[in-house]
Amino acid sequence: MKSNPFNDYAASINAAIEEYTLNKQECFFKPISYILSLKAKRVRSSLFLFSCDLFNLEKKALIYGALAIEFFHNFTLIHDDIMDSAPLRRGKKTLHKKWSTNTAILAGDTLMVEAYIMLNKLSKKRGFCNAFNLFNSTAIFVCKGQQMDLNFEDEKDIALENYLKMIEYKTAVLLGCSLKMAGCFSSNIKDLELLYQVGINMGLAFQLQDDLLDIYSDKSGKKIGGDILLNKKTLPYFLARKTANTQQKEELMSIYSSRNHTHKVAKTLALFNLLDVKEKGEQLVGLYFKKAFGCLEKVTAPKNKKIFLIEYLDFLASRSY
């Protein structure tokens, strides 16, 4: 697999997080330090720093914006893990498993507040109001997406289009925000919407890719087929329903509705393989990456300014975890 061209950005984020956690030594902050210390790709906060470079902004002065995004993202992960009863996050115990559900909820709530504390450190900079409003609207979209995801667990007839809207809210908007928010602090705002669409399409591709990796990769740090065991309807499920005949649809519904986990993943995978789900899923992922590349090409910045994001998109497209 190709190396991550954003490694230097991620290193800057990790250094800033380490400095933050060094100043949070109370026992209360231990769960927060734990989740922030887990090995992570820092995708969203790295995109923010990339955008700083794209707009010729001082990264060191705006690092708090990147931390706000990173803290908010980890807040959502903590609460998602509780709602999903997930045992692992990044290959390690989730907060509610390592401590307790109540402690995890409080840690997530505190991280959300800390995100606003970080963002507020930029309040005297030009464009702060636009960045603040973008952050707020993004946060609401992410919560809406999570609610839609929860609703889908009980709904029987969901269109693929509705699923795509859910992951746009839950995942893609934060990537779009990460690219656009730094630009709010710049005097050059003509490319902000294009960058936002780069993030939206990247986010859609990223999440759909995750859906496939959940059941086709053992390198994700999660239990293989975890979505299936949780009856979570993700891309493979919708692609299977779209092409299955009546008997196969009934079989799929029967497997997902069953509480008997014995051979559940194996049975589902057998049906998915019969319906060429993996190949069709990879085609859809490729389509959204292509849209992201297309939007990035239209951004008026010189190619040498965009090269890291071009390489990063290429890196994400080839990932196996």
Protein backbone atom coordinates (compact mmCIF):
# COMPACT_ATOMS: atom_id res chain seq x y z
CA MET A 1 0.00 0.00 0.00
CA LYS A 2 1.20 3.55 -0.75
CA SER A 3 2.51 5.70 2.08
CA ASN A 4 0.31 8.40 3.53
CA PRO A 5 1.34 11.80 2.05
CA PHE A 6 -0.34 13.50 5.01
CA ASN A 7 1.94 11.90 7.61
CA ASP A 8 3.54 15.25 8.47
CA TYR A 9 0.12 16.80 9.07
CA ALA A 10 -0.88 13.87 11.28
CA ALA A 11 2.39 14.24 13.21
CA SER A 12 1.56 17.89 13.90
CA ILE A 13 -1.88 16.91 15.16
CA ASN A 14 -0.44 14.18 17.37
CA ALA A 15 2.09 16.61 18.84
CA ALA A 16 -0.67 19.12 19.63
CA ILE A 17 -2.80 16.37 21.20
CA GLU A 18 0.14 15.21 23.30
CA GLU A 19 0.62 18.76 24.58
CA TYR A 20 -3.09 18.96 25.37
CA THR A 21 -3.14 15.68 27.30
CA LEU A 22 -0.01 16.63 29.28
CA ASN A 23 -2.02 19.49 30.73
CA LYS A 24 -4.96 17.20 31.60
CA GLN A 25 -3.59 14.96 34.34
CA GLU A 26 -6.72 14.68 36.51
CA CYS A 27 -8.29 11.22 36.71
CA PHE A 28 -11.40 12.70 35.10
CA PHE A 29 -9.48 13.21 31.84
CA LYS A 30 -7.95 9.73 31.68
CA PRO A 31 -10.66 8.32 29.34
CA ILE A 32 -10.24 11.34 27.06
CA SER A 33 -6.47 10.92 26.99
CA TYR A 34 -7.01 7.23 26.26
CA ILE A 35 -9.23 7.73 23.20
CA LEU A 36 -7.00 10.50 21.85
CA SER A 37 -3.88 8.36 22.29
CA LEU A 38 -5.19 5.45 20.22
CA LYS A 39 -3.49 5.05 16.86
CA ALA A 40 -5.53 7.08 14.36
CA LYS A 41 -5.14 8.37 10.83
CA ARG A 42 -6.17 11.96 11.76
CA VAL A 43 -7.87 12.28 8.38
CA ARG A 44 -10.16 15.21 9.17
CA SER A 45 -7.73 17.37 11.11
CA SER A 46 -5.02 16.71 8.49
CA LEU A 47 -7.39 17.97 5.80
CA PHE A 48 -7.82 21.17 7.80
CA LEU A 49 -4.04 21.69 7.92
CA PHE A 50 -3.74 20.91 4.21
CA SER A 51 -6.35 23.57 3.52
CA CYS A 52 -4.30 26.03 5.59
CA ASP A 53 -1.38 25.42 3.22
CA LEU A 54 -3.65 25.66 0.19
CA PHE A 55 -4.77 29.14 1.27
CA ASN A 56 -1.30 30.21 2.45
CA LEU A 57 -2.41 30.38 6.09
CA GLU A 58 -0.15 29.86 9.09
CA LYS A 59 -0.83 26.32 10.34
CA LYS A 60 0.62 26.95 13.79
CA ALA A 61 -1.75 29.85 14.36
CA LEU A 62 -4.78 27.80 13.26
CA ILE A 63 -3.89 24.45 14.88
CA TYR A 64 -6.80 24.95 17.31
CA GLY A 65 -9.22 24.61 14.41
CA ALA A 66 -7.70 21.23 13.59
CA LEU A 67 -7.97 20.18 17.24
CA ALA A 68 -11.61 21.28 17.35
CA ILE A 69 -12.35 18.98 14.42
CA GLU A 70 -10.35 16.11 15.92
CA PHE A 71 -12.01 16.45 19.33
CA PHE A 72 -15.48 16.61 17.81
CA HIS A 73 -14.77 13.53 15.70
CA ASN A 74 -13.64 11.56 18.75
CA PHE A 75 -16.71 12.70 20.66
CA THR A 76 -18.86 11.13 17.94
CA LEU A 77 -16.82 7.91 18.03
CA ILE A 78 -17.29 7.52 21.78
CA HIS A 79 -21.05 7.97 21.57
CA ASP A 80 -21.35 5.82 18.42
CA ASP A 81 -19.52 3.00 20.17
CA ILE A 82 -21.95 3.18 23.09
CA MET A 83 -24.98 3.13 20.78
CA ASP A 84 -23.53 0.25 18.76
CA SER A 85 -22.31 -1.67 21.84
CA ALA A 86 -18.97 -1.89 20.04
CA PRO A 87 -16.23 -3.71 21.98
CA LEU A 88 -13.27 -2.36 19.98
CA ARG A 89 -12.12 0.96 18.57
CA ARG A 90 -8.86 1.10 16.61
CA GLY A 91 -8.09 -2.39 17.84
CA LYS A 92 -8.39 -1.45 21.53
CA LYS A 93 -11.19 -1.57 24.09
CA THR A 94 -13.83 1.11 23.64
CA LEU A 95 -14.25 3.59 26.49
CA HIS A 96 -17.51 2.14 27.76
CA LYS A 97 -15.89 -1.31 27.90
CA LYS A 98 -12.67 -0.13 29.56
CA TRP A 99 -14.46 2.12 32.08
CA SER A 100 -18.28 2.27 32.02
CA THR A 101 -21.07 3.61 29.86
CA ASN A 102 -21.64 6.58 32.15
CA THR A 103 -17.95 7.47 32.18
CA ALA A 104 -17.80 7.20 28.39
CA ILE A 105 -20.81 9.49 27.98
CA LEU A 106 -19.20 12.10 30.22
CA ALA A 107 -15.89 11.80 28.36
CA GLY A 108 -17.66 12.32 25.04
CA ASP A 109 -19.59 15.31 26.36
CA THR A 110 -16.39 16.84 27.69
CA LEU A 111 -14.62 16.36 24.37
CA MET A 112 -17.45 18.20 22.64
CA VAL A 113 -17.01 21.12 25.04
CA GLU A 114 -13.23 21.00 24.56
CA ALA A 115 -13.79 21.22 20.79
CA TYR A 116 -15.58 24.55 21.29
CA ILE A 117 -12.88 25.73 23.68
CA MET A 118 -10.30 25.05 20.97
CA LEU A 119 -12.37 26.74 18.27
CA ASN A 120 -12.97 29.78 20.47
CA LYS A 121 -9.22 30.40 20.59
CA LEU A 122 -9.60 31.59 16.98
CA SER A 123 -12.45 34.00 17.77
CA LYS A 124 -10.40 37.12 17.03
CA LYS A 125 -9.38 36.00 13.57
CA ARG A 126 -11.04 37.18 10.37
CA GLY A 127 -13.69 34.76 9.17
CA PHE A 128 -14.28 33.20 12.58
CA CYS A 129 -18.06 33.64 12.43
CA ASN A 130 -18.27 31.77 9.13
CA ALA A 131 -16.05 29.00 10.48
CA PHE A 132 -18.07 28.81 13.70
CA ASN A 133 -21.39 28.60 11.84
CA LEU A 134 -19.99 25.93 9.51
CA PHE A 135 -18.78 23.90 12.49
CA ASN A 136 -22.19 24.14 14.18
CA SER A 137 -24.19 23.15 11.12
CA THR A 138 -21.80 20.26 10.52
CA ALA A 139 -22.23 19.04 14.11
CA ILE A 140 -26.01 19.00 13.69
CA PHE A 141 -25.76 17.12 10.38
CA VAL A 142 -23.51 14.49 11.98
CA CYS A 143 -26.02 13.94 14.79
CA LYS A 144 -28.85 13.71 12.25
CA GLY A 145 -26.88 11.11 10.35
CA GLN A 146 -26.38 9.05 13.48
CA GLN A 147 -30.11 9.16 14.22
CA MET A 148 -30.88 8.05 10.66
CA ASP A 149 -28.40 5.19 11.09
CA LEU A 150 -30.16 4.07 14.27
CA ASN A 151 -33.56 4.31 12.58
CA PHE A 152 -32.40 2.14 9.70
CA GLU A 153 -31.79 -0.78 12.08
CA ASP A 154 -35.55 -1.18 12.53
CA GLU A 155 -36.79 -0.13 9.09
CA LYS A 156 -37.26 -2.90 6.54
CA ASP A 157 -37.53 -1.02 3.24
CA ILE A 158 -34.78 1.58 2.85
CA ALA A 159 -33.69 2.95 -0.52
CA LEU A 160 -29.99 3.08 -1.34
CA GLU A 161 -30.41 6.82 -1.92
CA ASN A 162 -31.56 7.30 1.68
CA TYR A 163 -28.57 5.34 2.91
CA LEU A 164 -26.24 7.55 0.89
CA LYS A 165 -27.86 10.64 2.42
CA MET A 166 -27.35 9.19 5.88
CA ILE A 167 -23.61 8.65 5.36
CA GLU A 168 -23.31 12.07 3.75
CA TYR A 169 -24.58 13.53 7.02
CA LYS A 170 -22.83 11.13 9.39
CA THR A 171 -19.41 11.02 7.70
CA ALA A 172 -18.97 13.14 4.59
CA VAL A 173 -20.01 16.56 5.91
CA LEU A 174 -17.22 16.56 8.50
CA LEU A 175 -14.65 15.92 5.76
CA GLY A 176 -16.18 18.72 3.73
CA CYS A 177 -16.10 20.97 6.79
CA SER A 178 -12.45 20.13 7.43
CA LEU A 179 -11.43 21.33 3.98
CA LYS A 180 -13.72 24.36 3.92
CA MET A 181 -13.31 25.65 7.48
CA ALA A 182 -9.67 26.68 7.18
CA GLY A 183 -10.55 28.61 4.04
CA CYS A 184 -13.06 30.65 6.04
CA PHE A 185 -10.05 32.38 7.61
CA SER A 186 -8.74 33.37 4.18
CA SER A 187 -9.63 36.35 1.98
CA ASN A 188 -9.92 33.95 -0.99
CA ILE A 189 -13.32 32.26 -0.69
CA LYS A 190 -14.07 31.41 -4.33
CA ASP A 191 -12.95 27.77 -4.05
CA LEU A 192 -14.62 26.97 -0.73
CA GLU A 193 -17.66 25.22 -2.17
CA LEU A 194 -15.53 23.16 -4.54
CA LEU A 195 -13.37 22.05 -1.61
CA TYR A 196 -16.49 21.22 0.36
CA GLN A 197 -17.65 18.97 -2.48
CA VAL A 198 -14.22 17.33 -2.59
CA GLY A 199 -14.76 16.46 1.06
CA ILE A 200 -18.35 15.28 0.53
CA ASN A 201 -17.41 12.90 -2.27
CA MET A 202 -14.28 11.76 -0.44
CA GLY A 203 -16.40 11.09 2.64
CA LEU A 204 -18.96 9.07 0.70
CA ALA A 205 -16.18 7.01 -0.90
CA PHE A 206 -14.44 6.63 2.47
CA GLN A 207 -17.52 5.36 4.30
CA LEU A 208 -18.66 3.04 1.51
CA GLN A 209 -15.11 1.70 1.45
CA ASP A 210 -15.36 1.14 5.22
CA ASP A 211 -18.61 -0.77 4.69
CA LEU A 212 -16.77 -3.16 2.41
CA LEU A 213 -13.70 -3.42 4.65
CA ASP A 214 -15.91 -4.35 7.61
CA ILE A 215 -16.65 -7.70 6.01
CA TYR A 216 -13.79 -8.15 3.56
CA SER A 217 -10.74 -7.03 5.58
CA ASP A 218 -9.16 -8.27 8.79
CA LYS A 219 -6.99 -5.14 9.11
CA SER A 220 -9.63 -2.60 10.17
CA GLY A 221 -9.14 -3.06 13.92
CA LYS A 222 -12.76 -4.17 14.22
CA LYS A 223 -14.37 -7.58 14.40
CA ILE A 224 -14.96 -8.93 10.88
CA GLY A 225 -18.63 -8.76 10.01
CA GLY A 226 -19.42 -6.60 13.03
CA ASP A 227 -22.04 -4.66 11.06
CA ILE A 228 -23.77 -7.91 10.11
CA LEU A 229 -23.87 -9.14 13.72
CA LEU A 230 -25.36 -5.79 14.76
CA ASN A 231 -27.95 -6.04 11.94
CA LYS A 232 -26.56 -2.78 10.55
CA LYS A 233 -27.68 -2.25 6.99
CA THR A 234 -24.67 -0.94 5.09
CA LEU A 235 -23.63 -0.76 1.43
CA PRO A 236 -23.30 -4.54 0.89
CA TYR A 237 -26.82 -5.07 2.25
CA PHE A 238 -28.35 -2.45 -0.06
CA LEU A 239 -26.48 -3.68 -3.11
CA ALA A 240 -27.61 -7.24 -2.36
CA ARG A 241 -31.25 -6.15 -2.03
CA LYS A 242 -31.02 -4.19 -5.26
CA THR A 243 -30.02 -7.21 -7.35
CA ALA A 244 -31.47 -10.15 -5.38
CA ASN A 245 -34.51 -12.09 -6.56
CA THR A 246 -37.51 -12.55 -4.27
CA GLN A 247 -36.19 -15.71 -2.67
CA GLN A 248 -32.76 -14.18 -2.06
CA LYS A 249 -34.32 -11.05 -0.54
CA GLU A 250 -36.32 -13.21 1.85
CA GLU A 251 -33.18 -15.12 2.77
CA LEU A 252 -31.29 -11.88 3.38
CA MET A 253 -34.07 -10.51 5.60
CA SER A 254 -34.23 -13.78 7.50
CA ILE A 255 -30.48 -13.74 8.19
CA TYR A 256 -30.48 -10.11 9.35
CA SER A 257 -33.53 -10.51 11.56
CA SER A 258 -32.17 -13.63 13.25
CA ARG A 259 -30.73 -13.30 16.75
CA ASN A 260 -28.79 -16.51 16.31
CA HIS A 261 -25.22 -15.43 15.53
CA THR A 262 -24.04 -18.93 14.64
CA HIS A 263 -22.76 -18.85 11.03
CA LYS A 264 -24.59 -15.52 10.53
CA VAL A 265 -21.60 -13.77 8.95
CA ALA A 266 -20.70 -16.79 6.83
CA LYS A 267 -24.25 -17.14 5.49
CA THR A 268 -24.44 -13.45 4.67
CA LEU A 269 -21.08 -13.46 2.90
CA ALA A 270 -22.10 -16.47 0.85
CA LEU A 271 -25.16 -14.59 -0.38
CA PHE A 272 -23.15 -11.40 -1.00
CA ASN A 273 -20.61 -13.36 -3.06
CA LEU A 274 -23.38 -14.91 -5.12
CA LEU A 275 -24.68 -11.41 -5.94
CA ASP A 276 -21.24 -9.91 -6.74
CA VAL A 277 -21.66 -7.37 -3.93
CA LYS A 278 -17.93 -6.71 -3.46
CA GLU A 279 -17.33 -5.88 -7.12
CA LYS A 280 -20.38 -3.61 -7.34
CA GLY A 281 -19.41 -1.89 -4.10
CA GLU A 282 -15.90 -1.22 -5.33
CA GLN A 283 -17.31 0.31 -8.51
CA LEU A 284 -19.46 2.72 -6.48
CA VAL A 285 -16.53 3.65 -4.25
CA GLY A 286 -14.48 4.35 -7.37
CA LEU A 287 -17.23 6.59 -8.74
CA TYR A 288 -17.18 8.84 -5.67
CA PHE A 289 -13.39 9.04 -5.64
CA LYS A 290 -13.59 10.08 -9.30
CA LYS A 291 -16.05 12.86 -8.39
CA ALA A 292 -13.71 14.03 -5.62
CA PHE A 293 -10.79 14.17 -8.05
CA GLY A 294 -12.96 16.06 -10.54
CA CYS A 295 -13.92 18.75 -8.01
CA LEU A 296 -10.32 19.10 -6.86
CA GLU A 297 -9.18 19.59 -10.46
CA LYS A 298 -11.50 22.62 -10.72
CA VAL A 299 -9.99 24.32 -7.67
CA THR A 300 -8.00 27.26 -9.04
CA ALA A 301 -4.91 26.76 -6.89
CA PRO A 302 -1.71 25.67 -8.69
CA LYS A 303 -1.28 21.91 -9.00
CA ASN A 304 1.80 21.96 -6.76
CA LYS A 305 -0.48 23.31 -4.01
CA LYS A 306 -3.00 20.52 -4.56
CA ILE A 307 -0.55 17.66 -5.01
CA PHE A 308 -0.73 16.43 -1.41
CA LEU A 309 -4.51 16.10 -1.57
CA ILE A 310 -4.30 14.42 -4.98
CA GLU A 311 -1.84 11.92 -3.51
CA TYR A 312 -3.96 11.54 -0.39
CA LEU A 313 -7.07 10.71 -2.39
CA ASP A 314 -4.99 8.15 -4.25
CA PHE A 315 -3.76 6.79 -0.91
CA LEU A 316 -7.30 6.46 0.47
CA ALA A 317 -8.52 4.80 -2.70
CA SER A 318 -5.91 2.06 -2.27
CA ARG A 319 -6.29 1.46 1.47
CA SER A 320 -7.07 -1.96 2.88
CA TYR A 321 -7.98 -1.01 6.46
